[in-house]
Amino acid sequence: MNAVMNQVIAWLAGFKGVEGAQRVTPDLLEDGDMSLSDLPEDSVTIYVDGTRDVTAYAMFRLRHGVKTHGERMEAQELLDTFEQEVWRRNLRRDLPEGDARTQFQSVTVSQSPYMLETDGDTAVFQFSLEINYVQAV
């Protein structure tokens, strides 16, 4: 997990009013866990001065109970709330805090939430994020 993803995790954990936002980690383990992992498909433009304009992709996942209709609806509502909050914050330019070299330009949802897999008792739901940032030399 790189520093940029850690900054995005900290940003997600700051979502007030979004139940469970403080539990986002790089790992997906038990029922109720949420994770964010980076995907290996970055797009990088390097400028003459060495500055890098990076578009990175990350997968947000939630493992949640799905035995009852209520549990499935709860999971979908939580994912929808996260998705809406990402859009709201991006529009307000309330982006993750960068460091001395990194400045975030946008964080958007690039793929809406859907169910990835299920074992009958729990399911893994996911959506993807597109993260654009500039890194100075």
N, C-alpha and C. Protein backbone atom coordinates (compact mmCIF):
# COMPACT_ATOMS: atom_id res chain seq x y z
N MET A 1 0.86 -1.17 0.00
CA MET A 1 0.00 0.00 0.00
C MET A 1 0.90 1.23 0.00
N ASN A 2 0.68 2.10 -0.97
CA ASN A 2 1.53 3.27 -1.06
C ASN A 2 0.96 4.45 -0.27
N ALA A 3 1.74 5.51 -0.17
CA ALA A 3 1.35 6.67 0.64
C ALA A 3 0.08 7.33 0.11
N VAL A 4 -0.10 7.36 -1.20
CA VAL A 4 -1.29 7.98 -1.77
C VAL A 4 -2.54 7.23 -1.32
N MET A 5 -2.51 5.91 -1.37
CA MET A 5 -3.68 5.12 -0.94
C MET A 5 -3.93 5.30 0.55
N ASN A 6 -2.88 5.41 1.34
CA ASN A 6 -3.05 5.68 2.78
C ASN A 6 -3.73 7.02 3.01
N GLN A 7 -3.40 8.02 2.18
CA GLN A 7 -4.03 9.33 2.30
C GLN A 7 -5.51 9.26 1.90
N VAL A 8 -5.82 8.44 0.89
CA VAL A 8 -7.22 8.28 0.48
C VAL A 8 -8.00 7.53 1.56
N ILE A 9 -7.39 6.51 2.18
CA ILE A 9 -8.04 5.79 3.28
C ILE A 9 -8.35 6.74 4.43
N ALA A 10 -7.40 7.61 4.77
CA ALA A 10 -7.62 8.59 5.84
C ALA A 10 -8.76 9.53 5.46
N TRP A 11 -8.83 9.91 4.19
CA TRP A 11 -9.89 10.78 3.70
C TRP A 11 -11.24 10.09 3.83
N LEU A 12 -11.34 8.83 3.41
CA LEU A 12 -12.59 8.07 3.53
C LEU A 12 -13.00 7.93 5.00
N ALA A 13 -12.02 7.72 5.88
CA ALA A 13 -12.32 7.56 7.31
C ALA A 13 -12.90 8.83 7.91
N GLY A 14 -12.70 9.97 7.25
CA GLY A 14 -13.22 11.24 7.74
C GLY A 14 -14.64 11.53 7.31
N PHE A 15 -15.28 10.61 6.61
CA PHE A 15 -16.65 10.83 6.16
C PHE A 15 -17.58 10.79 7.37
N LYS A 16 -17.98 11.93 7.85
CA LYS A 16 -18.90 12.02 8.99
C LYS A 16 -20.30 11.60 8.55
N GLY A 17 -20.97 10.87 9.38
CA GLY A 17 -22.33 10.45 9.06
C GLY A 17 -22.42 9.23 8.17
N VAL A 18 -21.27 8.68 7.78
CA VAL A 18 -21.24 7.45 6.98
C VAL A 18 -20.81 6.33 7.91
N GLU A 19 -21.76 5.49 8.29
CA GLU A 19 -21.49 4.44 9.26
C GLU A 19 -20.37 3.52 8.79
N GLY A 20 -19.36 3.34 9.64
CA GLY A 20 -18.27 2.43 9.36
C GLY A 20 -17.11 3.02 8.60
N ALA A 21 -17.18 4.30 8.23
CA ALA A 21 -16.11 4.90 7.43
C ALA A 21 -14.75 4.81 8.13
N GLN A 22 -14.77 4.83 9.44
CA GLN A 22 -13.50 4.79 10.20
C GLN A 22 -12.85 3.41 10.14
N ARG A 23 -13.56 2.40 9.63
CA ARG A 23 -13.02 1.04 9.60
C ARG A 23 -12.41 0.66 8.26
N VAL A 24 -12.22 1.59 7.35
CA VAL A 24 -11.64 1.27 6.05
C VAL A 24 -10.16 0.95 6.24
N THR A 25 -9.73 -0.21 5.74
CA THR A 25 -8.34 -0.65 5.84
C THR A 25 -7.89 -1.18 4.49
N PRO A 26 -6.62 -1.53 4.36
CA PRO A 26 -6.18 -2.17 3.11
C PRO A 26 -6.61 -3.64 3.02
N ASP A 27 -7.10 -4.23 4.10
CA ASP A 27 -7.43 -5.65 4.14
C ASP A 27 -8.93 -5.87 4.24
N LEU A 28 -9.41 -6.96 3.64
CA LEU A 28 -10.81 -7.34 3.72
C LEU A 28 -10.87 -8.68 4.43
N LEU A 29 -11.46 -8.71 5.62
CA LEU A 29 -11.42 -9.92 6.40
C LEU A 29 -12.80 -10.47 6.75
N GLU A 30 -13.49 -9.83 7.66
CA GLU A 30 -14.72 -10.36 8.25
C GLU A 30 -15.95 -9.58 7.80
N ASP A 31 -17.11 -10.09 8.16
CA ASP A 31 -18.37 -9.43 7.88
C ASP A 31 -18.33 -8.01 8.45
N GLY A 32 -18.66 -7.03 7.65
CA GLY A 32 -18.66 -5.64 8.09
C GLY A 32 -17.38 -4.90 7.76
N ASP A 33 -16.34 -5.61 7.33
CA ASP A 33 -15.08 -4.95 7.01
C ASP A 33 -15.16 -4.22 5.66
N MET A 34 -14.41 -3.12 5.56
CA MET A 34 -14.31 -2.35 4.33
C MET A 34 -12.84 -2.21 3.99
N SER A 35 -12.52 -2.25 2.71
CA SER A 35 -11.12 -2.13 2.33
C SER A 35 -10.97 -1.25 1.09
N LEU A 36 -9.77 -0.73 0.93
CA LEU A 36 -9.41 0.01 -0.27
C LEU A 36 -8.06 -0.52 -0.73
N SER A 37 -7.99 -0.99 -1.96
CA SER A 37 -6.73 -1.49 -2.49
C SER A 37 -6.46 -0.86 -3.84
N ASP A 38 -5.19 -0.55 -4.08
CA ASP A 38 -4.85 0.08 -5.35
C ASP A 38 -4.74 -0.98 -6.45
N LEU A 39 -5.08 -0.56 -7.65
CA LEU A 39 -5.01 -1.42 -8.81
C LEU A 39 -3.77 -1.06 -9.63
N PRO A 40 -3.20 -2.01 -10.34
CA PRO A 40 -1.93 -1.77 -11.03
C PRO A 40 -2.07 -1.11 -12.40
N GLU A 41 -3.05 -0.25 -12.58
CA GLU A 41 -3.27 0.34 -13.90
C GLU A 41 -3.19 1.86 -13.88
N ASP A 42 -2.14 2.39 -13.29
CA ASP A 42 -1.96 3.84 -13.25
C ASP A 42 -1.65 4.39 -14.64
N SER A 43 -2.11 5.61 -14.87
CA SER A 43 -1.77 6.34 -16.09
C SER A 43 -0.92 7.52 -15.64
N VAL A 44 0.29 7.64 -16.18
CA VAL A 44 1.22 8.66 -15.72
C VAL A 44 1.70 9.51 -16.89
N THR A 45 1.61 10.83 -16.72
CA THR A 45 2.19 11.77 -17.67
C THR A 45 3.32 12.49 -16.95
N ILE A 46 4.49 12.45 -17.54
CA ILE A 46 5.65 13.11 -16.92
C ILE A 46 5.97 14.36 -17.74
N TYR A 47 6.00 15.51 -17.05
CA TYR A 47 6.27 16.78 -17.71
C TYR A 47 7.77 17.06 -17.73
N VAL A 48 8.17 18.05 -18.52
CA VAL A 48 9.58 18.39 -18.70
C VAL A 48 10.27 18.67 -17.36
N ASP A 49 9.57 19.30 -16.43
CA ASP A 49 10.19 19.63 -15.14
C ASP A 49 10.23 18.43 -14.19
N GLY A 50 9.74 17.26 -14.64
CA GLY A 50 9.76 16.06 -13.81
C GLY A 50 8.48 15.83 -13.02
N THR A 51 7.59 16.80 -13.02
CA THR A 51 6.31 16.64 -12.33
C THR A 51 5.53 15.51 -12.99
N ARG A 52 4.87 14.72 -12.16
CA ARG A 52 4.08 13.58 -12.65
C ARG A 52 2.61 13.84 -12.42
N ASP A 53 1.81 13.70 -13.46
CA ASP A 53 0.36 13.77 -13.36
C ASP A 53 -0.13 12.32 -13.41
N VAL A 54 -0.68 11.84 -12.29
CA VAL A 54 -1.01 10.42 -12.15
C VAL A 54 -2.52 10.24 -12.00
N THR A 55 -3.06 9.30 -12.76
CA THR A 55 -4.42 8.85 -12.55
C THR A 55 -4.32 7.40 -12.10
N ALA A 56 -4.69 7.18 -10.85
CA ALA A 56 -4.60 5.84 -10.24
C ALA A 56 -6.02 5.33 -10.01
N TYR A 57 -6.12 4.01 -9.92
CA TYR A 57 -7.42 3.38 -9.70
C TYR A 57 -7.35 2.53 -8.44
N ALA A 58 -8.44 2.53 -7.69
CA ALA A 58 -8.51 1.75 -6.46
C ALA A 58 -9.86 1.07 -6.38
N MET A 59 -9.89 -0.06 -5.69
CA MET A 59 -11.12 -0.82 -5.52
C MET A 59 -11.54 -0.71 -4.06
N PHE A 60 -12.76 -0.21 -3.84
CA PHE A 60 -13.35 -0.15 -2.50
C PHE A 60 -14.23 -1.38 -2.36
N ARG A 61 -14.03 -2.15 -1.30
CA ARG A 61 -14.82 -3.36 -1.08
C ARG A 61 -15.44 -3.36 0.31
N LEU A 62 -16.61 -3.99 0.38
CA LEU A 62 -17.34 -4.15 1.63
C LEU A 62 -17.82 -5.58 1.72
N ARG A 63 -17.49 -6.26 2.83
CA ARG A 63 -18.07 -7.58 3.09
C ARG A 63 -19.22 -7.38 4.05
N HIS A 64 -20.39 -7.89 3.68
CA HIS A 64 -21.59 -7.63 4.47
C HIS A 64 -22.51 -8.84 4.42
N GLY A 65 -23.25 -9.04 5.49
CA GLY A 65 -24.23 -10.12 5.54
C GLY A 65 -25.30 -9.94 4.47
N VAL A 66 -25.76 -11.08 3.90
CA VAL A 66 -26.79 -11.01 2.86
C VAL A 66 -27.87 -12.07 3.05
N LYS A 67 -27.99 -12.59 4.27
CA LYS A 67 -28.98 -13.64 4.52
C LYS A 67 -30.40 -13.13 4.34
N THR A 68 -30.63 -11.90 4.73
CA THR A 68 -31.99 -11.35 4.66
C THR A 68 -32.04 -10.18 3.67
N HIS A 69 -33.23 -9.88 3.24
CA HIS A 69 -33.43 -8.74 2.34
C HIS A 69 -32.94 -7.45 3.03
N GLY A 70 -33.21 -7.34 4.33
CA GLY A 70 -32.79 -6.16 5.08
C GLY A 70 -31.27 -5.99 5.08
N GLU A 71 -30.53 -7.08 5.23
CA GLU A 71 -29.07 -7.00 5.20
C GLU A 71 -28.57 -6.56 3.83
N ARG A 72 -29.17 -7.10 2.78
CA ARG A 72 -28.76 -6.71 1.43
C ARG A 72 -29.04 -5.24 1.17
N MET A 73 -30.19 -4.77 1.62
CA MET A 73 -30.55 -3.36 1.44
C MET A 73 -29.62 -2.45 2.26
N GLU A 74 -29.26 -2.91 3.47
CA GLU A 74 -28.34 -2.14 4.31
C GLU A 74 -26.98 -1.99 3.62
N ALA A 75 -26.48 -3.07 3.03
CA ALA A 75 -25.20 -3.02 2.33
C ALA A 75 -25.28 -2.07 1.14
N GLN A 76 -26.34 -2.17 0.37
CA GLN A 76 -26.49 -1.31 -0.80
C GLN A 76 -26.61 0.16 -0.40
N GLU A 77 -27.33 0.40 0.68
CA GLU A 77 -27.48 1.78 1.17
C GLU A 77 -26.13 2.35 1.62
N LEU A 78 -25.34 1.55 2.31
CA LEU A 78 -24.02 2.00 2.76
C LEU A 78 -23.13 2.33 1.56
N LEU A 79 -23.12 1.46 0.56
CA LEU A 79 -22.31 1.71 -0.63
C LEU A 79 -22.80 2.95 -1.38
N ASP A 80 -24.09 3.11 -1.50
CA ASP A 80 -24.65 4.29 -2.16
C ASP A 80 -24.26 5.56 -1.41
N THR A 81 -24.29 5.50 -0.08
CA THR A 81 -23.91 6.65 0.74
C THR A 81 -22.44 7.01 0.52
N PHE A 82 -21.57 6.00 0.49
CA PHE A 82 -20.15 6.25 0.22
C PHE A 82 -19.97 6.88 -1.15
N GLU A 83 -20.66 6.32 -2.15
CA GLU A 83 -20.53 6.83 -3.52
C GLU A 83 -20.97 8.30 -3.58
N GLN A 84 -22.11 8.62 -2.98
CA GLN A 84 -22.62 9.99 -2.99
C GLN A 84 -21.67 10.94 -2.26
N GLU A 85 -21.10 10.47 -1.16
CA GLU A 85 -20.18 11.32 -0.40
C GLU A 85 -18.90 11.60 -1.19
N VAL A 86 -18.41 10.60 -1.92
CA VAL A 86 -17.23 10.82 -2.77
C VAL A 86 -17.55 11.90 -3.81
N TRP A 87 -18.69 11.80 -4.46
CA TRP A 87 -19.09 12.80 -5.46
C TRP A 87 -19.24 14.19 -4.83
N ARG A 88 -19.91 14.26 -3.67
CA ARG A 88 -20.12 15.55 -3.00
C ARG A 88 -18.78 16.20 -2.65
N ARG A 89 -17.91 15.42 -2.05
CA ARG A 89 -16.62 15.99 -1.65
C ARG A 89 -15.79 16.42 -2.84
N ASN A 90 -15.84 15.65 -3.91
CA ASN A 90 -15.09 16.02 -5.10
C ASN A 90 -15.60 17.34 -5.67
N LEU A 91 -16.92 17.50 -5.72
CA LEU A 91 -17.50 18.75 -6.23
C LEU A 91 -17.13 19.95 -5.37
N ARG A 92 -17.02 19.72 -4.06
CA ARG A 92 -16.65 20.80 -3.13
C ARG A 92 -15.14 21.00 -3.07
N ARG A 93 -14.40 20.16 -3.78
CA ARG A 93 -12.91 20.18 -3.76
C ARG A 93 -12.38 19.86 -2.37
N ASP A 94 -13.14 19.07 -1.62
CA ASP A 94 -12.72 18.57 -0.31
C ASP A 94 -12.04 17.23 -0.57
N LEU A 95 -10.76 17.29 -0.91
CA LEU A 95 -10.02 16.12 -1.36
C LEU A 95 -9.05 15.64 -0.30
N PRO A 96 -8.47 14.45 -0.48
CA PRO A 96 -7.49 13.97 0.50
C PRO A 96 -6.34 14.97 0.66
N GLU A 97 -5.78 14.99 1.86
CA GLU A 97 -4.63 15.85 2.12
C GLU A 97 -3.41 15.20 1.51
N GLY A 98 -2.72 15.95 0.67
CA GLY A 98 -1.48 15.45 0.12
C GLY A 98 -0.33 15.72 1.07
N ASP A 99 0.86 15.42 0.61
CA ASP A 99 2.05 15.76 1.40
C ASP A 99 2.78 16.88 0.67
N ALA A 100 4.03 17.09 1.02
CA ALA A 100 4.79 18.19 0.43
C ALA A 100 4.92 18.05 -1.09
N ARG A 101 4.89 16.82 -1.60
CA ARG A 101 5.07 16.58 -3.04
C ARG A 101 3.78 16.26 -3.78
N THR A 102 2.71 15.89 -3.07
CA THR A 102 1.51 15.37 -3.72
C THR A 102 0.32 16.31 -3.51
N GLN A 103 -0.34 16.64 -4.62
CA GLN A 103 -1.54 17.47 -4.56
C GLN A 103 -2.65 16.74 -5.32
N PHE A 104 -3.74 16.44 -4.62
CA PHE A 104 -4.86 15.73 -5.23
C PHE A 104 -5.68 16.68 -6.09
N GLN A 105 -6.07 16.21 -7.27
CA GLN A 105 -6.87 16.98 -8.21
C GLN A 105 -8.33 16.55 -8.19
N SER A 106 -8.57 15.23 -8.04
CA SER A 106 -9.93 14.72 -8.01
C SER A 106 -9.95 13.29 -7.50
N VAL A 107 -11.07 12.91 -6.91
CA VAL A 107 -11.36 11.52 -6.55
C VAL A 107 -12.80 11.31 -6.98
N THR A 108 -13.00 10.40 -7.94
CA THR A 108 -14.35 10.15 -8.46
C THR A 108 -14.64 8.66 -8.47
N VAL A 109 -15.90 8.34 -8.53
CA VAL A 109 -16.32 6.94 -8.65
C VAL A 109 -16.29 6.60 -10.13
N SER A 110 -15.47 5.61 -10.50
CA SER A 110 -15.37 5.25 -11.91
C SER A 110 -16.22 4.04 -12.26
N GLN A 111 -16.68 3.32 -11.25
CA GLN A 111 -17.59 2.20 -11.47
C GLN A 111 -18.51 2.10 -10.27
N SER A 112 -19.80 2.14 -10.49
CA SER A 112 -20.78 2.11 -9.40
C SER A 112 -20.76 0.78 -8.66
N PRO A 113 -21.31 0.77 -7.43
CA PRO A 113 -21.28 -0.44 -6.60
C PRO A 113 -22.03 -1.62 -7.22
N TYR A 114 -21.47 -2.81 -7.02
CA TYR A 114 -22.12 -4.05 -7.43
C TYR A 114 -21.62 -5.19 -6.56
N MET A 115 -22.35 -6.32 -6.57
CA MET A 115 -21.95 -7.48 -5.79
C MET A 115 -20.92 -8.28 -6.59
N LEU A 116 -19.78 -8.54 -5.97
CA LEU A 116 -18.69 -9.25 -6.63
C LEU A 116 -18.81 -10.76 -6.43
N GLU A 117 -19.04 -11.18 -5.18
CA GLU A 117 -19.12 -12.61 -4.87
C GLU A 117 -19.91 -12.81 -3.59
N THR A 118 -20.40 -14.03 -3.41
CA THR A 118 -21.14 -14.36 -2.20
C THR A 118 -20.87 -15.80 -1.80
N ASP A 119 -20.95 -16.05 -0.49
CA ASP A 119 -20.82 -17.43 0.00
C ASP A 119 -22.14 -17.90 0.61
N GLY A 120 -23.19 -17.13 0.39
CA GLY A 120 -24.51 -17.47 0.93
C GLY A 120 -24.85 -16.69 2.18
N ASP A 121 -23.88 -16.53 3.08
CA ASP A 121 -24.09 -15.78 4.32
C ASP A 121 -23.65 -14.32 4.18
N THR A 122 -22.52 -14.13 3.50
CA THR A 122 -21.99 -12.78 3.30
C THR A 122 -21.68 -12.60 1.81
N ALA A 123 -21.54 -11.35 1.42
CA ALA A 123 -21.17 -11.03 0.04
C ALA A 123 -20.14 -9.92 0.06
N VAL A 124 -19.34 -9.89 -0.99
CA VAL A 124 -18.39 -8.80 -1.18
C VAL A 124 -18.96 -7.89 -2.26
N PHE A 125 -19.16 -6.64 -1.89
CA PHE A 125 -19.63 -5.61 -2.81
C PHE A 125 -18.44 -4.72 -3.12
N GLN A 126 -18.42 -4.11 -4.30
CA GLN A 126 -17.29 -3.23 -4.60
C GLN A 126 -17.69 -2.12 -5.57
N PHE A 127 -16.87 -1.06 -5.55
CA PHE A 127 -16.91 -0.03 -6.58
C PHE A 127 -15.50 0.49 -6.76
N SER A 128 -15.23 1.12 -7.91
CA SER A 128 -13.88 1.61 -8.16
C SER A 128 -13.81 3.13 -8.07
N LEU A 129 -12.65 3.57 -7.66
CA LEU A 129 -12.37 5.00 -7.57
C LEU A 129 -11.28 5.36 -8.57
N GLU A 130 -11.41 6.53 -9.15
CA GLU A 130 -10.35 7.10 -9.99
C GLU A 130 -9.76 8.25 -9.21
N ILE A 131 -8.46 8.20 -8.99
CA ILE A 131 -7.78 9.19 -8.14
C ILE A 131 -6.74 9.91 -8.99
N ASN A 132 -6.92 11.21 -9.15
CA ASN A 132 -5.97 11.99 -9.95
C ASN A 132 -5.19 12.91 -9.02
N TYR A 133 -3.87 12.86 -9.16
CA TYR A 133 -3.02 13.72 -8.34
C TYR A 133 -1.76 14.10 -9.11
N VAL A 134 -1.13 15.17 -8.65
CA VAL A 134 0.12 15.65 -9.24
C VAL A 134 1.21 15.50 -8.19
N GLN A 135 2.36 14.95 -8.64
CA GLN A 135 3.52 14.80 -7.73
C GLN A 135 4.68 15.60 -8.29
N ALA A 136 5.20 16.46 -7.44
CA ALA A 136 6.36 17.26 -7.82
C ALA A 136 7.63 16.45 -7.57
N VAL A 137 8.69 16.88 -8.20
CA VAL A 137 9.98 16.20 -8.04
C VAL A 137 10.60 16.50 -6.72
